[in-house]
Structure formats: C-alpha cells, structure tokens
Amino acid sequence: MTEQQAMALAEANRVRMARAALKRKIKAGELHVWDVLRKPPEFILGIEIGALVMCERRWGLSRARSLLARIPIRETRQLRLLTERQCEQLASLMEVRS
C-alpha cells in the first residue's frame, strides 16, 4: 500500500467514525437533524439526505419520503448538493413535525 493510499484510507475511516458518532447523537436525542441541516459539519456533506432524515427518532422510510416529496428532494441526493433554501425548508418542516 502506498503512502497516498494509506492516507486516503485513514481519512475515509475518520469520516466514517465521525458520521457514526453524529448518527448516534441524533438517535439518542442529544442532537436533531434540523440543527445539522442548518450548520452541517464538513464530514457529513456526502451523506444522502434520506439517510440523515431517518436518523431522527420516529422517522422511518415512509415518513422521510413524504417529507422530502413536499420540498421536493430525492432521498438519494447528497446534503452538499442542497441549496441553503432547501436545507432551511427541510429543517423547518422536520422541526414542526417532530
């Protein structure tokens, strides 16, 4: 393994661990998805929006799909590709519906 490959692997592991920790905080109720949407950390920008929404307690696939259809956003769209307006709309809708 080259040094560049080792560095890429280390970075990928760091991002995976940070995402997992964030998801655990959301599932535990220590943090909410709408807070993450308003100020997303750099490491979470590559996550699919549907996966992020479903991290919130009591949010399953059908609830997430119906919410995303109101904006409209595909559930497979990455967070980094959403506009500020879409993020704010989604955050507001989630906050109201929770």
Protein backbone atom coordinates (compact mmCIF):
# COMPACT_ATOMS: atom_id res chain seq x y z
CA MET A 1 0.00 0.00 0.00
CA THR A 2 1.38 3.39 -0.95
CA GLU A 3 1.53 6.33 1.41
CA GLN A 4 -1.20 8.09 -0.57
CA GLN A 5 -3.49 5.05 -0.29
CA ALA A 6 -2.83 4.82 3.45
CA MET A 7 -3.68 8.49 3.90
CA ALA A 8 -6.89 8.11 1.87
CA LEU A 9 -7.89 5.08 3.92
CA ALA A 10 -7.19 6.91 7.19
CA GLU A 11 -9.30 9.88 6.03
CA ALA A 12 -12.17 7.61 4.97
CA ASN A 13 -12.10 5.91 8.37
CA ARG A 14 -12.08 9.26 10.16
CA VAL A 15 -15.13 10.43 8.18
CA ARG A 16 -16.97 7.12 8.79
CA MET A 17 -16.32 7.30 12.52
CA ALA A 18 -17.41 10.95 12.72
CA ARG A 19 -20.63 10.20 10.80
CA ALA A 20 -21.39 7.23 13.03
CA ALA A 21 -20.87 9.34 16.16
CA LEU A 22 -23.17 12.05 14.78
CA LYS A 23 -25.85 9.49 13.92
CA ARG A 24 -25.63 8.03 17.45
CA LYS A 25 -26.12 11.50 18.94
CA ILE A 26 -29.17 12.07 16.74
CA LYS A 27 -30.67 8.67 17.61
CA ALA A 28 -30.07 9.32 21.31
CA GLY A 29 -31.87 12.66 21.10
CA GLU A 30 -28.80 14.71 22.02
CA LEU A 31 -28.87 16.43 18.65
CA HIS A 32 -31.54 16.93 15.99
CA VAL A 33 -31.33 16.63 12.23
CA TRP A 34 -32.69 20.14 11.76
CA ASP A 35 -29.73 21.51 13.73
CA VAL A 36 -27.34 19.57 11.49
CA LEU A 37 -29.12 20.85 8.38
CA ARG A 38 -28.74 24.45 9.49
CA LYS A 39 -25.00 24.11 10.30
CA PRO A 40 -23.69 20.93 8.65
CA PRO A 41 -20.20 19.83 9.61
CA GLU A 42 -17.84 19.19 6.69
CA PHE A 43 -17.70 15.41 7.20
CA ILE A 44 -21.48 14.97 6.84
CA LEU A 45 -21.84 16.71 3.46
CA GLY A 46 -21.51 13.49 1.46
CA ILE A 47 -24.38 11.69 3.21
CA GLU A 48 -27.64 11.02 1.40
CA ILE A 49 -30.39 13.25 2.74
CA GLY A 50 -32.80 10.34 3.21
CA ALA A 51 -30.32 8.50 5.43
CA LEU A 52 -29.78 11.64 7.51
CA VAL A 53 -33.51 12.29 7.98
CA MET A 54 -34.11 8.69 9.03
CA CYS A 55 -31.53 9.04 11.83
CA GLU A 56 -34.03 11.19 13.74
CA ARG A 57 -36.09 9.28 16.27
CA ARG A 58 -39.50 8.13 14.99
CA TRP A 59 -38.58 8.89 11.36
CA GLY A 60 -38.79 5.89 9.07
CA LEU A 61 -38.66 5.49 5.33
CA SER A 62 -42.26 6.42 4.52
CA ARG A 63 -42.29 9.46 6.82
CA ALA A 64 -39.00 10.65 5.37
CA ARG A 65 -40.19 10.14 1.78
CA SER A 66 -43.41 12.06 2.36
CA LEU A 67 -41.49 14.94 3.91
CA LEU A 68 -38.91 15.07 1.12
CA ALA A 69 -41.65 14.94 -1.51
CA ARG A 70 -43.09 18.19 -0.12
CA ILE A 71 -39.97 20.19 -0.99
CA PRO A 72 -39.29 18.15 -3.49
CA ILE A 73 -35.94 16.47 -2.90
CA ARG A 74 -34.91 12.93 -3.85
CA GLU A 75 -33.90 10.89 -0.82
CA THR A 76 -30.67 9.85 -2.57
CA ARG A 77 -29.47 13.44 -3.03
CA GLN A 78 -26.33 14.31 -1.09
CA LEU A 79 -26.51 17.01 1.54
CA ARG A 80 -23.77 19.00 -0.19
CA LEU A 81 -25.99 19.37 -3.28
CA LEU A 82 -28.89 21.01 -1.45
CA THR A 83 -29.30 24.76 -1.58
CA GLU A 84 -29.44 26.82 1.61
CA ARG A 85 -33.13 27.36 0.97
CA GLN A 86 -33.82 23.63 0.64
CA CYS A 87 -31.89 22.93 3.84
CA GLU A 88 -33.84 25.59 5.72
CA GLN A 89 -37.19 24.36 4.36
CA LEU A 90 -36.37 20.79 5.33
CA ALA A 91 -35.15 21.82 8.77
CA SER A 92 -38.29 23.87 9.41
CA LEU A 93 -40.63 21.09 8.28
CA MET A 94 -38.83 18.49 10.39
CA GLU A 95 -38.83 20.71 13.46
CA VAL A 96 -42.58 21.29 13.15
CA ARG A 97 -43.42 17.62 12.51
CA SER A 98 -41.32 16.21 15.37
